[in-house]
């Protein structure tokens, strides 16, 4: 699933024994690393296993320490965040990477997600959201700030629209009608609007969305839109 910053998250009131989240972070600014370490160490469920000053060092430490989460700065010397992500994607590691970014909406953020990052944490974000983002990612979710969701989808669609001679696109088992509904979700249609567009009931729309979620392994409309744009399902619709 994909979590949105500032979204209320329901938590159990019953104390549950948890395994510490092992965290490695990489940033080239010593003062920021020091502040981040102090912040992370305030949570007893988080264990800092190391810190790196550049991407090359981060890759070595991920390989050696196998942390649960890597907090990775986008802009670093020697080997930047995107180069680091690209190399990490070739390694056999279960480490989940959260990108640290000073600004939202940069096309580099889009590329980072396409290279395997599990989300984006803004450097100026509230401290409680840093911890929420890590727990969301550990739960198998994505974490994308509310501010960059719209631009994220727009940029992914722009990249997907770039012409290139490619074979027939995979439809992931979706029917023609399901592909149509995917297209309307990407365009921002509500369930009622989709029902009206295709002269079907809202209940039928919900049934189609449930089937689509199951086939694609996504959990909500936003994650569906990101998946659809990344895999160019809109192009697949025109090939049916």
Foldseek 3Di string as FASTA:
>chain_A
DADAPPDDDDDDPDDDDDAAAEEEEEAQDPVLVVVVVVLQVVDPSYDYPYYYNALVVVLVCCVVPQGQEYEAEQDGPPAGDLRSLQVVLVDPGNYAYEYEYQDALDVVQLSSVVSHHQEYDYSPDDSVVVVVQSVQVVVVYGYYYPVRLVSSLVSLLVVLPDDDDDPQADLLPQDLLLLVLLVVLLVPDDLVRSCVVVVHDSVVSVVSVVVVCVSVVHDDSSVSNSVCSNRVSVVNSVVD
